[in-house]
Amino acid sequence: MKVRAREAEELWKEEFEKSPSREDGLETSTISGIPLKPLYTTGDRPTREQEFPGQYPYTRGIHASGYRGRLWTMRQFSGYATAAETNRRYKYLLANGQTGLSVAFDMPTLMGQDSDAPTSRGEVGHCGVAIDSLADMETLFEGIPLGEITTSMTINSPAAILLCMYIAVAEKQGVPASRLGGTLQNDILKEFIAQKEFIFPPAPSMRLVVDSIEYCAREVPRWNTISISGYHIREAGSTAAQELAFTLADGMAYVDACLERGMHIDDFASRLSFFFDAHIDFFEEIAKFRAARRIWARWMRERYGAQQERSWKLRFHTQTAGVSLTAQQPELNIARTAVEALAAVLGGTQSLHTNAMDEVLALPTDRAARIALRTQQLLAYETGVANTIDPLGGSYFMESLTDEMERQAEAYFKRIDEMGGVIPAIEAGFFQKEIADSAFRYQKELEQRRRVMVGVNDFTVDEEEPIEILRIDPKLEAEQAERVREIRRKRDQARCKNALNRLRKAAAGTDNLMPYILDAVREYATEGEIMQAMIEVFGTYTETAVV
């Protein structure tokens, strides 16, 4: 039999060499630059033991039943203008079948600025919802029972503040913190690496992250205390292999920091979650997700000595690639998003956001948001992809590509360790330069037409038909600024000032800051005031330029 198989392969090679070959000059490697063979056979399949879903090392998924047991959470990222406007959008999405909420905050909120700050001018409510105080958070979730839904919040430097606001709203609803479920992005390392929305220097930034992990392990045990994010690393221009390696390296840095605090690995590891990009290179993305689970499981068990299986299991949310969307012929973004969402599902994601076709132009309209959600529902209920667990498992190509992604990630881990870890590598500009080089290479391939982006460098049209986009009413900014000023006038000034002073004093010491932030939030201190109290102790960070 083996002889006949070899003879068949040789016969195919002869036929392949004689067959016509494309002469379009297009790349046949993955977007990451991994060379691809024209055909994969049994000789490319790794010689590893049979693997099953729900069993270590979880290459085929963390649950034995896959989507046969439970579908992924359909969690559309949404937020714009004011808390009242976004509350209406949330209720609209929930009424249309969304199963979890995901909060997008505006730039001032992401940067710890109040809406009436001079630096917030022109940005209030434009890339997400403006949240200045507990009053805004109360409005954001008015009529939405926090004990019955899960919420993801995409925020980093001020993450502890927004989590405290969420806890305080739940208290007012009569929901104890122990019942809250959701996820806080809270990943400051990727800000230094890619997104650049940092405020404090690395050391106090990491302290705040560990404070929130430690606090939630005791008080909010169902909460995913951090969503370690490769998404923004990828959107900044990294390859899939770099996204995989840099994200998991960040995760290990958080584990190290928690262990240094004196926490036990099994007390917090199961509440670390991840957030990946689903880009357009279909098979490479699926291989990335499968390799991520395998690597994390091995490192948690072998390097960190975690004893509980739940500590070994990498759980992740996925968002389709915003950077793959085009302003040209934006309707094509519906197809791009569907392909990317399918990759996420075949890769075994636990929750998914599908981008709307108009997000490259503005925040989504109701219609575009509904189409994006319907794309997930179509995948779940019409295509049959949820009926078989890891349907690409065992594919010669998929298993080989998964191994290659793992190999490249391990090579990066070694380089990062040689530099002294993640923070020294950040300070040396290592991650930033690697990403910039990859982004440059990909852009060059597009400009040389070695890769095609439909509607951009090929298959273009002379005239674009305009599409409806969401526009934020300029008067909403003035209204939001007045709201925050009204909150300052109405609150108990003495109690608020005392809470901020206690926070400032605690920041200068070593106490966990979460209880102090929560006290300030309850007294309606604004986000900007709470951040300023910590800035006075921690200072701010200026990045060294990469040469």
Protein backbone atom coordinates (compact mmCIF):
# COMPACT_ATOMS: atom_id res chain seq x y z
CA MET A 1 0.00 0.00 0.00
CA LYS A 2 2.80 2.42 0.90
CA VAL A 3 4.51 1.72 -2.41
CA ARG A 4 1.30 2.42 -4.33
CA ALA A 5 0.81 5.67 -2.36
CA ARG A 6 4.34 6.80 -3.25
CA GLU A 7 3.78 5.88 -6.87
CA ALA A 8 0.52 7.84 -6.89
CA GLU A 9 2.26 10.87 -5.42
CA GLU A 10 5.05 10.71 -8.00
CA LEU A 11 2.47 10.40 -10.76
CA TRP A 12 0.67 13.48 -9.44
CA LYS A 13 3.95 15.43 -9.33
CA GLU A 14 4.63 14.58 -12.98
CA GLU A 15 1.13 15.68 -13.97
CA PHE A 16 1.43 18.87 -11.89
CA GLU A 17 4.71 19.84 -13.55
CA LYS A 18 3.14 19.43 -16.99
CA SER A 19 -0.03 21.36 -16.05
CA PRO A 20 -0.49 25.05 -16.87
CA SER A 21 0.61 27.40 -14.12
CA ARG A 22 -0.80 30.82 -13.30
CA GLU A 23 1.33 33.68 -14.48
CA ASP A 24 -0.39 36.50 -12.59
CA GLY A 25 2.51 37.02 -10.18
CA LEU A 26 0.26 36.77 -7.13
CA GLU A 27 1.58 35.51 -3.81
CA THR A 28 0.76 31.93 -2.88
CA SER A 29 2.08 32.30 0.66
CA THR A 30 -0.17 33.19 3.59
CA ILE A 31 -0.52 36.83 4.61
CA SER A 32 2.04 36.01 7.31
CA GLY A 33 4.46 34.98 4.57
CA ILE A 34 4.34 31.25 5.29
CA PRO A 35 5.12 29.45 2.00
CA LEU A 36 2.36 27.06 1.00
CA LYS A 37 2.80 23.85 -0.95
CA PRO A 38 0.33 23.23 -3.78
CA LEU A 39 -0.75 19.95 -2.16
CA TYR A 40 -0.57 18.43 1.33
CA THR A 41 -0.54 14.68 1.90
CA THR A 42 -0.10 12.14 4.70
CA GLY A 43 3.60 12.99 4.75
CA ASP A 44 2.73 16.49 5.99
CA ARG A 45 0.48 15.30 8.80
CA PRO A 46 2.19 15.51 12.21
CA THR A 47 2.94 12.25 13.96
CA ARG A 48 1.02 13.11 17.12
CA GLU A 49 -1.47 10.99 19.00
CA GLN A 50 -5.17 11.21 18.22
CA GLU A 51 -6.67 14.32 19.85
CA PHE A 52 -10.23 14.92 20.99
CA PRO A 53 -12.24 18.04 21.82
CA GLY A 54 -12.35 18.92 25.50
CA GLN A 55 -9.12 17.05 26.19
CA TYR A 56 -5.60 18.39 26.72
CA PRO A 57 -4.03 20.11 24.79
CA TYR A 58 -7.38 21.32 23.40
CA THR A 59 -6.23 21.78 19.81
CA ARG A 60 -9.69 20.67 18.75
CA GLY A 61 -11.58 22.83 21.24
CA ILE A 62 -12.02 23.29 24.97
CA HIS A 63 -15.47 21.68 25.18
CA ALA A 64 -16.15 18.03 24.45
CA SER A 65 -19.47 18.89 22.78
CA GLY A 66 -18.28 21.91 20.78
CA TYR A 67 -21.21 23.87 19.38
CA ARG A 68 -23.39 20.77 19.73
CA GLY A 69 -23.57 21.72 23.41
CA ARG A 70 -23.81 25.50 23.09
CA LEU A 71 -23.43 27.99 20.27
CA TRP A 72 -20.94 30.80 20.52
CA THR A 73 -22.16 34.06 22.11
CA MET A 74 -23.19 36.59 19.47
CA ARG A 75 -21.79 39.76 21.01
CA GLN A 76 -22.00 42.82 18.76
CA PHE A 77 -19.64 45.67 19.73
CA SER A 78 -21.78 48.77 20.05
CA GLY A 79 -21.76 52.23 21.55
CA TYR A 80 -22.15 55.78 20.24
CA ALA A 81 -23.12 59.29 21.26
CA THR A 82 -24.66 59.34 24.73
CA ALA A 83 -25.56 56.62 27.22
CA ALA A 84 -29.27 57.10 26.43
CA GLU A 85 -28.70 56.66 22.67
CA THR A 86 -26.60 53.54 23.21
CA ASN A 87 -29.13 52.09 25.65
CA ARG A 88 -31.69 52.24 22.84
CA ARG A 89 -29.27 50.46 20.48
CA TYR A 90 -28.63 47.72 23.06
CA LYS A 91 -32.33 47.07 23.48
CA TYR A 92 -32.69 46.96 19.68
CA LEU A 93 -29.88 44.40 19.34
CA LEU A 94 -31.19 42.24 22.20
CA ALA A 95 -34.63 42.29 20.61
CA ASN A 96 -33.06 41.06 17.35
CA GLY A 97 -31.42 38.02 18.93
CA GLN A 98 -28.07 39.25 20.23
CA THR A 99 -27.04 37.17 23.25
CA GLY A 100 -24.49 39.42 24.98
CA LEU A 101 -23.55 43.09 25.14
CA SER A 102 -20.20 44.61 24.19
CA VAL A 103 -19.56 48.25 25.06
CA ALA A 104 -17.61 50.56 22.76
CA PHE A 105 -16.44 53.71 24.55
CA ASP A 106 -15.57 57.02 22.92
CA MET A 107 -12.00 58.31 22.77
CA PRO A 108 -12.21 60.66 25.77
CA THR A 109 -13.51 57.79 27.94
CA LEU A 110 -10.78 55.47 26.63
CA MET A 111 -8.18 58.09 27.53
CA GLY A 112 -9.58 58.88 30.98
CA GLN A 113 -10.90 62.34 30.01
CA ASP A 114 -14.24 63.86 30.97
CA SER A 115 -16.50 65.08 28.17
CA ASP A 116 -16.10 68.73 29.19
CA ALA A 117 -12.29 68.62 29.09
CA PRO A 118 -10.73 70.82 26.36
CA THR A 119 -8.89 67.77 25.00
CA SER A 120 -12.23 65.98 24.45
CA ARG A 121 -13.57 68.56 22.03
CA GLY A 122 -14.79 67.05 18.77
CA GLU A 123 -14.43 63.44 19.99
CA VAL A 124 -17.34 63.00 22.40
CA GLY A 125 -19.55 60.10 21.33
CA HIS A 126 -17.86 59.58 17.96
CA CYS A 127 -16.15 56.17 18.23
CA GLY A 128 -18.26 54.90 21.09
CA VAL A 129 -20.38 56.00 24.02
CA ALA A 130 -19.38 58.80 26.39
CA ILE A 131 -19.25 57.66 30.03
CA ASP A 132 -18.16 60.26 32.57
CA SER A 133 -19.59 59.04 35.87
CA LEU A 134 -21.77 56.46 37.55
CA ALA A 135 -24.80 58.45 36.38
CA ASP A 136 -23.95 57.72 32.74
CA MET A 137 -23.42 54.03 33.48
CA GLU A 138 -26.82 53.92 35.20
CA THR A 139 -28.41 55.34 32.05
CA LEU A 140 -26.44 52.99 29.78
CA PHE A 141 -27.92 49.91 31.45
CA GLU A 142 -31.34 51.27 32.39
CA GLY A 143 -33.90 48.49 31.96
CA ILE A 144 -31.22 45.86 31.24
CA PRO A 145 -30.94 43.28 34.07
CA LEU A 146 -27.23 42.86 34.74
CA GLY A 147 -27.77 39.60 36.60
CA GLU A 148 -29.19 37.98 33.45
CA ILE A 149 -26.83 39.10 30.67
CA THR A 150 -23.08 39.19 30.18
CA THR A 151 -21.28 42.35 29.17
CA SER A 152 -17.90 42.91 27.58
CA MET A 153 -16.22 46.29 28.00
CA THR A 154 -13.42 47.36 25.68
CA ILE A 155 -11.33 49.69 27.81
CA ASN A 156 -7.80 49.55 29.14
CA SER A 157 -6.04 52.31 31.10
CA PRO A 158 -9.27 53.34 32.93
CA ALA A 159 -10.55 49.72 33.00
CA ALA A 160 -10.67 49.47 36.79
CA ILE A 161 -12.85 52.60 36.96
CA LEU A 162 -15.39 51.37 34.41
CA LEU A 163 -15.58 47.96 36.09
CA CYS A 164 -16.29 49.69 39.40
CA MET A 165 -19.04 51.71 37.71
CA TYR A 166 -20.57 48.46 36.40
CA ILE A 167 -20.43 46.89 39.88
CA ALA A 168 -22.04 49.99 41.38
CA VAL A 169 -24.88 49.93 38.82
CA ALA A 170 -25.48 46.26 39.64
CA GLU A 171 -25.66 47.15 43.34
CA LYS A 172 -28.37 49.69 42.57
CA GLN A 173 -30.26 46.96 40.66
CA GLY A 174 -29.94 44.66 43.68
CA VAL A 175 -27.51 42.34 41.88
CA PRO A 176 -24.49 41.29 43.98
CA ALA A 177 -21.06 41.43 42.35
CA SER A 178 -20.75 37.67 42.77
CA ARG A 179 -23.54 37.20 40.16
CA LEU A 180 -22.05 39.44 37.48
CA GLY A 181 -20.74 37.83 34.32
CA GLY A 182 -18.76 39.48 31.58
CA THR A 183 -15.33 40.51 30.41
CA LEU A 184 -13.09 43.52 30.87
CA GLN A 185 -10.47 44.08 28.20
CA ASN A 186 -8.01 45.56 30.72
CA ASP A 187 -4.97 44.62 28.57
CA ILE A 188 -2.50 47.45 29.00
CA LEU A 189 0.51 45.68 27.48
CA LYS A 190 -1.02 45.64 24.02
CA GLU A 191 -1.57 49.38 24.38
CA PHE A 192 2.18 49.90 24.71
CA ILE A 193 2.73 47.47 21.82
CA ALA A 194 0.08 48.54 19.32
CA GLN A 195 -2.92 50.72 20.15
CA LYS A 196 -1.12 53.47 22.15
CA GLU A 197 -3.98 54.35 24.52
CA PHE A 198 -1.74 54.16 27.58
CA ILE A 199 -1.69 56.79 30.31
CA PHE A 200 0.49 55.61 33.20
CA PRO A 201 3.99 54.11 32.90
CA PRO A 202 4.21 50.31 32.60
CA ALA A 203 4.77 49.50 36.32
CA PRO A 204 1.72 51.27 37.81
CA SER A 205 -0.31 50.21 34.77
CA MET A 206 0.47 46.58 35.54
CA ARG A 207 -0.31 47.19 39.22
CA LEU A 208 -3.85 48.29 38.30
CA VAL A 209 -4.37 45.21 36.13
CA VAL A 210 -3.22 42.87 38.90
CA ASP A 211 -5.33 44.79 41.45
CA SER A 212 -8.44 44.13 39.35
CA ILE A 213 -7.57 40.45 38.83
CA GLU A 214 -6.94 39.96 42.55
CA TYR A 215 -10.11 41.83 43.57
CA CYS A 216 -12.35 39.96 41.14
CA ALA A 217 -10.95 36.57 42.17
CA ARG A 218 -12.43 37.31 45.61
CA GLU A 219 -15.46 39.48 44.90
CA VAL A 220 -16.55 38.97 41.26
CA PRO A 221 -15.63 35.32 40.60
CA ARG A 222 -17.69 34.94 37.40
CA TRP A 223 -16.02 37.92 35.74
CA ASN A 224 -13.31 37.52 33.09
CA THR A 225 -10.86 39.99 34.57
CA ILE A 226 -8.83 40.56 31.42
CA SER A 227 -9.23 39.97 27.71
CA ILE A 228 -5.68 39.66 26.44
CA SER A 229 -5.96 41.20 23.04
CA GLY A 230 -4.26 40.21 19.83
CA TYR A 231 -6.91 42.05 17.84
CA HIS A 232 -5.26 45.46 18.07
CA ILE A 233 -1.83 43.97 17.46
CA ARG A 234 -3.17 42.51 14.21
CA GLU A 235 -5.02 45.68 13.25
CA ALA A 236 -1.74 47.58 13.67
CA GLY A 237 -0.22 45.45 10.91
CA SER A 238 1.19 42.30 12.50
CA THR A 239 1.10 38.89 10.87
CA ALA A 240 -1.09 36.11 12.24
CA ALA A 241 2.00 34.45 13.72
CA GLN A 242 3.02 37.69 15.45
CA GLU A 243 -0.50 38.22 16.76
CA LEU A 244 -0.44 34.71 18.20
CA ALA A 245 3.02 35.02 19.75
CA PHE A 246 2.76 38.57 21.11
CA THR A 247 -0.70 37.99 22.59
CA LEU A 248 0.27 34.81 24.42
CA ALA A 249 3.52 36.43 25.58
CA ASP A 250 1.43 39.25 27.09
CA GLY A 251 -0.76 36.64 28.77
CA MET A 252 2.25 35.00 30.36
CA ALA A 253 3.48 38.41 31.56
CA TYR A 254 0.17 38.92 33.38
CA VAL A 255 0.44 35.46 34.91
CA ASP A 256 3.97 36.25 36.11
CA ALA A 257 2.79 39.54 37.65
CA CYS A 258 -0.06 37.84 39.51
CA LEU A 259 2.26 35.15 40.83
CA GLU A 260 4.67 37.85 42.04
CA ARG A 261 1.72 39.40 43.92
CA GLY A 262 1.41 36.09 45.79
CA MET A 263 -1.67 34.71 44.04
CA HIS A 264 -1.98 31.00 43.25
CA ILE A 265 -2.18 30.12 39.57
CA ASP A 266 -5.45 28.19 39.87
CA ASP A 267 -7.13 31.07 41.71
CA PHE A 268 -7.05 33.36 38.67
CA ALA A 269 -5.92 31.57 35.49
CA SER A 270 -9.38 30.30 34.55
CA ARG A 271 -10.64 33.90 34.38
CA LEU A 272 -8.04 35.07 31.90
CA SER A 273 -9.59 35.31 28.45
CA PHE A 274 -8.29 36.26 25.01
CA PHE A 275 -9.43 38.37 22.08
CA PHE A 276 -8.26 37.56 18.56
CA ASP A 277 -8.66 39.00 15.09
CA ALA A 278 -10.24 36.92 12.33
CA HIS A 279 -8.54 38.15 9.17
CA ILE A 280 -9.26 37.25 5.56
CA ASP A 281 -6.60 34.51 5.10
CA PHE A 282 -9.08 31.77 5.92
CA PHE A 283 -7.00 28.69 6.73
CA GLU A 284 -4.20 30.62 8.44
CA GLU A 285 -6.70 32.12 10.88
CA ILE A 286 -8.16 28.73 11.80
CA ALA A 287 -4.66 27.33 12.35
CA LYS A 288 -3.84 30.32 14.58
CA PHE A 289 -6.80 29.64 16.87
CA ARG A 290 -5.99 25.92 17.14
CA ALA A 291 -2.32 26.61 17.87
CA ALA A 292 -3.23 29.21 20.53
CA ARG A 293 -5.18 26.66 22.57
CA ARG A 294 -2.42 24.08 22.35
CA ILE A 295 0.37 26.48 23.33
CA TRP A 296 -1.53 28.02 26.26
CA ALA A 297 -2.51 24.63 27.66
CA ARG A 298 1.05 23.36 27.55
CA TRP A 299 2.54 26.48 29.15
CA MET A 300 -0.08 26.64 31.89
CA ARG A 301 0.40 23.00 32.81
CA GLU A 302 4.14 22.54 32.29
CA ARG A 303 5.67 25.95 32.97
CA TYR A 304 3.27 27.33 35.58
CA GLY A 305 2.17 24.08 37.19
CA ALA A 306 -1.57 24.76 37.08
CA GLN A 307 -3.42 21.75 38.45
CA GLN A 308 -6.99 22.49 37.43
CA GLU A 309 -8.03 21.74 33.86
CA ARG A 310 -10.00 24.97 33.61
CA SER A 311 -6.70 26.84 34.09
CA TRP A 312 -5.30 25.15 30.98
CA LYS A 313 -8.19 26.08 28.70
CA LEU A 314 -7.76 29.15 26.51
CA ARG A 315 -11.12 30.85 26.00
CA PHE A 316 -11.38 33.58 23.39
CA HIS A 317 -13.60 36.15 21.75
CA THR A 318 -13.13 36.98 18.09
CA GLN A 319 -13.85 40.05 16.00
CA THR A 320 -13.68 40.07 12.24
CA ALA A 321 -10.88 42.21 10.83
CA GLY A 322 -11.69 45.89 10.70
CA VAL A 323 -8.48 46.49 8.76
CA SER A 324 -9.72 44.23 5.97
CA LEU A 325 -12.78 46.38 5.31
CA THR A 326 -12.72 48.79 2.38
CA ALA A 327 -14.36 52.16 1.80
CA GLN A 328 -14.51 51.18 -1.87
CA GLN A 329 -17.58 49.08 -2.76
CA PRO A 330 -18.44 48.70 0.95
CA GLU A 331 -21.16 46.11 0.28
CA LEU A 332 -18.29 43.66 -0.35
CA ASN A 333 -17.49 43.96 3.35
CA ILE A 334 -20.53 41.80 4.07
CA ALA A 335 -18.85 38.93 2.18
CA ARG A 336 -15.47 39.57 3.79
CA THR A 337 -17.03 39.53 7.23
CA ALA A 338 -18.88 36.29 6.53
CA VAL A 339 -15.66 34.53 5.46
CA GLU A 340 -13.80 35.82 8.52
CA ALA A 341 -16.64 34.86 10.85
CA LEU A 342 -16.64 31.35 9.39
CA ALA A 343 -12.92 31.07 10.15
CA ALA A 344 -13.58 32.10 13.76
CA VAL A 345 -16.32 29.51 14.12
CA LEU A 346 -14.28 26.71 12.53
CA GLY A 347 -11.47 27.75 14.87
CA GLY A 348 -13.72 27.24 17.89
CA THR A 349 -14.35 30.77 19.22
CA GLN A 350 -16.46 31.21 22.36
CA SER A 351 -17.97 34.53 21.27
CA LEU A 352 -17.96 36.58 18.10
CA HIS A 353 -18.45 40.12 16.83
CA THR A 354 -19.06 40.59 13.12
CA ASN A 355 -18.13 43.99 11.69
CA ALA A 356 -20.75 45.97 9.82
CA MET A 357 -20.18 46.88 6.19
CA ASP A 358 -20.07 50.62 6.93
CA GLU A 359 -17.64 50.56 9.88
CA VAL A 360 -14.78 51.70 7.68
CA LEU A 361 -16.76 54.91 7.11
CA ALA A 362 -18.49 55.54 10.45
CA LEU A 363 -20.18 53.83 13.36
CA PRO A 364 -22.75 51.31 12.06
CA THR A 365 -26.29 52.25 11.17
CA ASP A 366 -29.07 50.10 12.64
CA ARG A 367 -29.47 48.35 9.28
CA ALA A 368 -25.76 47.56 8.92
CA ALA A 369 -25.58 46.32 12.52
CA ARG A 370 -28.56 44.05 11.91
CA ILE A 371 -26.98 42.58 8.75
CA ALA A 372 -23.77 41.90 10.70
CA LEU A 373 -25.73 40.08 13.43
CA ARG A 374 -27.78 38.18 10.84
CA THR A 375 -24.49 36.98 9.31
CA GLN A 376 -23.69 35.15 12.54
CA GLN A 377 -27.20 33.76 12.78
CA LEU A 378 -26.99 32.50 9.19
CA LEU A 379 -23.73 30.70 9.99
CA ALA A 380 -25.18 29.18 13.14
CA TYR A 381 -28.51 28.01 11.77
CA GLU A 382 -28.19 27.53 8.00
CA THR A 383 -24.70 26.31 7.10
CA GLY A 384 -24.35 23.23 9.31
CA VAL A 385 -20.92 24.30 10.61
CA ALA A 386 -22.08 23.92 14.21
CA ASN A 387 -23.06 20.28 13.75
CA THR A 388 -19.57 18.76 13.64
CA ILE A 389 -16.82 19.56 16.15
CA ASP A 390 -13.56 20.81 14.60
CA PRO A 391 -14.54 19.64 11.09
CA LEU A 392 -11.11 20.53 9.67
CA GLY A 393 -9.25 18.49 12.29
CA GLY A 394 -7.09 15.84 10.65
CA SER A 395 -6.75 17.78 7.40
CA TYR A 396 -3.19 17.33 6.17
CA PHE A 397 -2.98 21.02 5.38
CA MET A 398 -4.65 22.29 8.56
CA GLU A 399 -2.58 20.17 10.92
CA SER A 400 0.65 21.12 9.15
CA LEU A 401 -0.25 24.83 9.24
CA THR A 402 -1.23 24.61 12.91
CA ASP A 403 2.18 23.14 13.70
CA GLU A 404 3.92 25.88 11.73
CA MET A 405 2.03 28.61 13.60
CA GLU A 406 3.06 27.00 16.88
CA ARG A 407 6.69 26.79 15.75
CA GLN A 408 6.84 30.47 14.80
CA ALA A 409 5.22 31.51 18.09
CA GLU A 410 7.72 29.50 20.13
CA ALA A 411 10.57 31.14 18.23
CA TYR A 412 9.20 34.55 19.23
CA PHE A 413 8.84 33.48 22.87
CA LYS A 414 12.54 32.61 22.89
CA ARG A 415 13.50 36.02 21.47
CA ILE A 416 11.30 37.84 24.02
CA ASP A 417 12.79 35.84 26.91
CA GLU A 418 16.30 36.69 25.70
CA MET A 419 15.37 40.39 25.91
CA GLY A 420 14.27 40.00 29.54
CA GLY A 421 10.52 39.68 29.03
CA VAL A 422 7.63 41.65 27.59
CA ILE A 423 8.16 45.03 29.29
CA PRO A 424 11.88 45.28 28.44
CA ALA A 425 10.99 44.28 24.87
CA ILE A 426 8.35 47.05 24.77
CA GLU A 427 10.83 49.60 26.08
CA ALA A 428 13.34 48.50 23.43
CA GLY A 429 10.72 48.93 20.68
CA PHE A 430 10.94 45.26 19.66
CA PHE A 431 7.23 44.59 19.17
CA GLN A 432 6.61 47.94 17.55
CA LYS A 433 9.36 47.42 14.97
CA GLU A 434 8.28 43.84 14.16
CA ILE A 435 4.72 45.03 13.53
CA ALA A 436 5.81 48.04 11.49
CA ASP A 437 8.04 45.86 9.28
CA SER A 438 5.18 43.40 8.67
CA ALA A 439 2.73 46.19 7.84
CA PHE A 440 5.22 47.68 5.39
CA ARG A 441 5.78 44.34 3.68
CA TYR A 442 2.05 43.72 3.25
CA GLN A 443 1.41 47.23 1.92
CA LYS A 444 4.26 46.81 -0.55
CA GLU A 445 2.72 43.54 -1.79
CA LEU A 446 -0.57 45.34 -2.38
CA GLU A 447 1.07 48.22 -4.21
CA GLN A 448 3.05 45.81 -6.40
CA ARG A 449 -0.20 43.88 -6.97
CA ARG A 450 1.32 40.67 -5.63
CA ARG A 451 -1.86 40.48 -3.55
CA VAL A 452 -5.30 41.61 -4.68
CA MET A 453 -7.74 43.59 -2.55
CA VAL A 454 -10.96 43.55 -4.51
CA GLY A 455 -12.22 47.03 -5.27
CA VAL A 456 -8.96 48.66 -4.19
CA ASN A 457 -6.15 47.54 -6.47
CA ASP A 458 -8.26 45.47 -8.89
CA PHE A 459 -11.90 45.08 -9.93
CA THR A 460 -12.52 48.75 -9.25
CA VAL A 461 -15.44 50.91 -10.36
CA ASP A 462 -15.30 54.45 -11.68
CA GLU A 463 -18.11 55.82 -9.55
CA GLU A 464 -19.15 54.77 -6.07
CA GLU A 465 -22.79 54.91 -5.04
CA PRO A 466 -23.02 56.68 -1.67
CA ILE A 467 -24.41 54.67 1.22
CA GLU A 468 -26.21 55.89 4.31
CA ILE A 469 -23.88 56.36 7.29
CA LEU A 470 -24.52 57.18 10.93
CA ARG A 471 -23.83 60.80 11.82
CA ILE A 472 -23.52 62.02 15.40
CA ASP A 473 -25.48 65.19 16.12
CA PRO A 474 -22.90 67.85 17.14
CA LYS A 475 -25.22 69.21 19.83
CA LEU A 476 -24.91 65.94 21.78
CA GLU A 477 -21.37 66.87 22.80
CA ALA A 478 -22.51 70.09 24.47
CA GLU A 479 -25.37 68.24 26.16
CA GLN A 480 -23.01 65.55 27.49
CA ALA A 481 -20.56 68.18 28.76
CA GLU A 482 -23.41 69.90 30.61
CA ARG A 483 -24.49 66.56 32.11
CA VAL A 484 -21.09 65.96 33.66
CA ARG A 485 -21.03 69.51 35.06
CA GLU A 486 -24.49 68.94 36.54
CA ILE A 487 -23.29 65.76 38.25
CA ARG A 488 -20.45 67.69 39.85
CA ARG A 489 -22.89 70.33 41.12
CA LYS A 490 -25.42 67.87 42.58
CA ARG A 491 -23.17 65.35 44.39
CA ASP A 492 -22.00 65.55 48.00
CA GLN A 493 -18.76 67.44 47.43
CA ALA A 494 -17.17 66.63 50.78
CA ARG A 495 -17.75 62.89 50.46
CA CYS A 496 -16.46 62.89 46.89
CA LYS A 497 -13.33 64.85 47.83
CA ASN A 498 -12.61 62.54 50.76
CA ALA A 499 -12.97 59.45 48.53
CA LEU A 500 -10.52 60.90 45.99
CA ASN A 501 -8.05 61.79 48.75
CA ARG A 502 -8.20 58.24 50.10
CA LEU A 503 -7.56 56.90 46.60
CA ARG A 504 -4.60 59.25 46.14
CA LYS A 505 -3.09 58.13 49.44
CA ALA A 506 -3.64 54.43 48.64
CA ALA A 507 -2.00 54.86 45.22
CA ALA A 508 1.12 56.11 47.00
CA GLY A 509 1.12 52.90 49.07
CA THR A 510 0.69 49.24 48.20
CA ASP A 511 -3.00 48.55 48.90
CA ASN A 512 -5.24 47.06 46.24
CA LEU A 513 -6.84 50.15 44.66
CA MET A 514 -10.14 48.60 43.58
CA PRO A 515 -12.06 49.28 46.85
CA TYR A 516 -10.87 52.90 46.82
CA ILE A 517 -11.88 53.40 43.18
CA LEU A 518 -15.27 51.83 43.91
CA ASP A 519 -15.82 54.23 46.82
CA ALA A 520 -15.00 57.21 44.59
CA VAL A 521 -17.36 55.93 41.88
CA ARG A 522 -20.21 55.56 44.40
CA GLU A 523 -19.72 59.23 45.34
CA TYR A 524 -20.09 60.20 41.65
CA ALA A 525 -16.47 61.22 41.15
CA THR A 526 -15.97 61.50 37.41
CA GLU A 527 -13.64 59.28 35.43
CA GLY A 528 -11.35 62.24 34.74
CA GLU A 529 -11.13 63.11 38.44
CA ILE A 530 -10.32 59.53 39.43
CA MET A 531 -7.66 59.28 36.72
CA GLN A 532 -6.15 62.62 37.76
CA ALA A 533 -5.86 61.45 41.37
CA MET A 534 -3.76 58.51 40.18
CA ILE A 535 -1.78 60.57 37.65
CA GLU A 536 -0.64 62.80 40.51
CA VAL A 537 1.00 59.71 42.04
CA PHE A 538 1.93 57.57 39.02
CA GLY A 539 2.72 60.19 36.39
CA THR A 540 2.18 59.66 32.67
CA TYR A 541 4.17 57.73 30.07
CA THR A 542 5.89 58.98 26.93
CA GLU A 543 6.93 56.34 24.43
CA THR A 544 10.43 56.25 23.00
CA ALA A 545 10.29 56.47 19.21
CA VAL A 546 11.27 53.37 17.24
CA VAL A 547 14.13 54.10 14.83
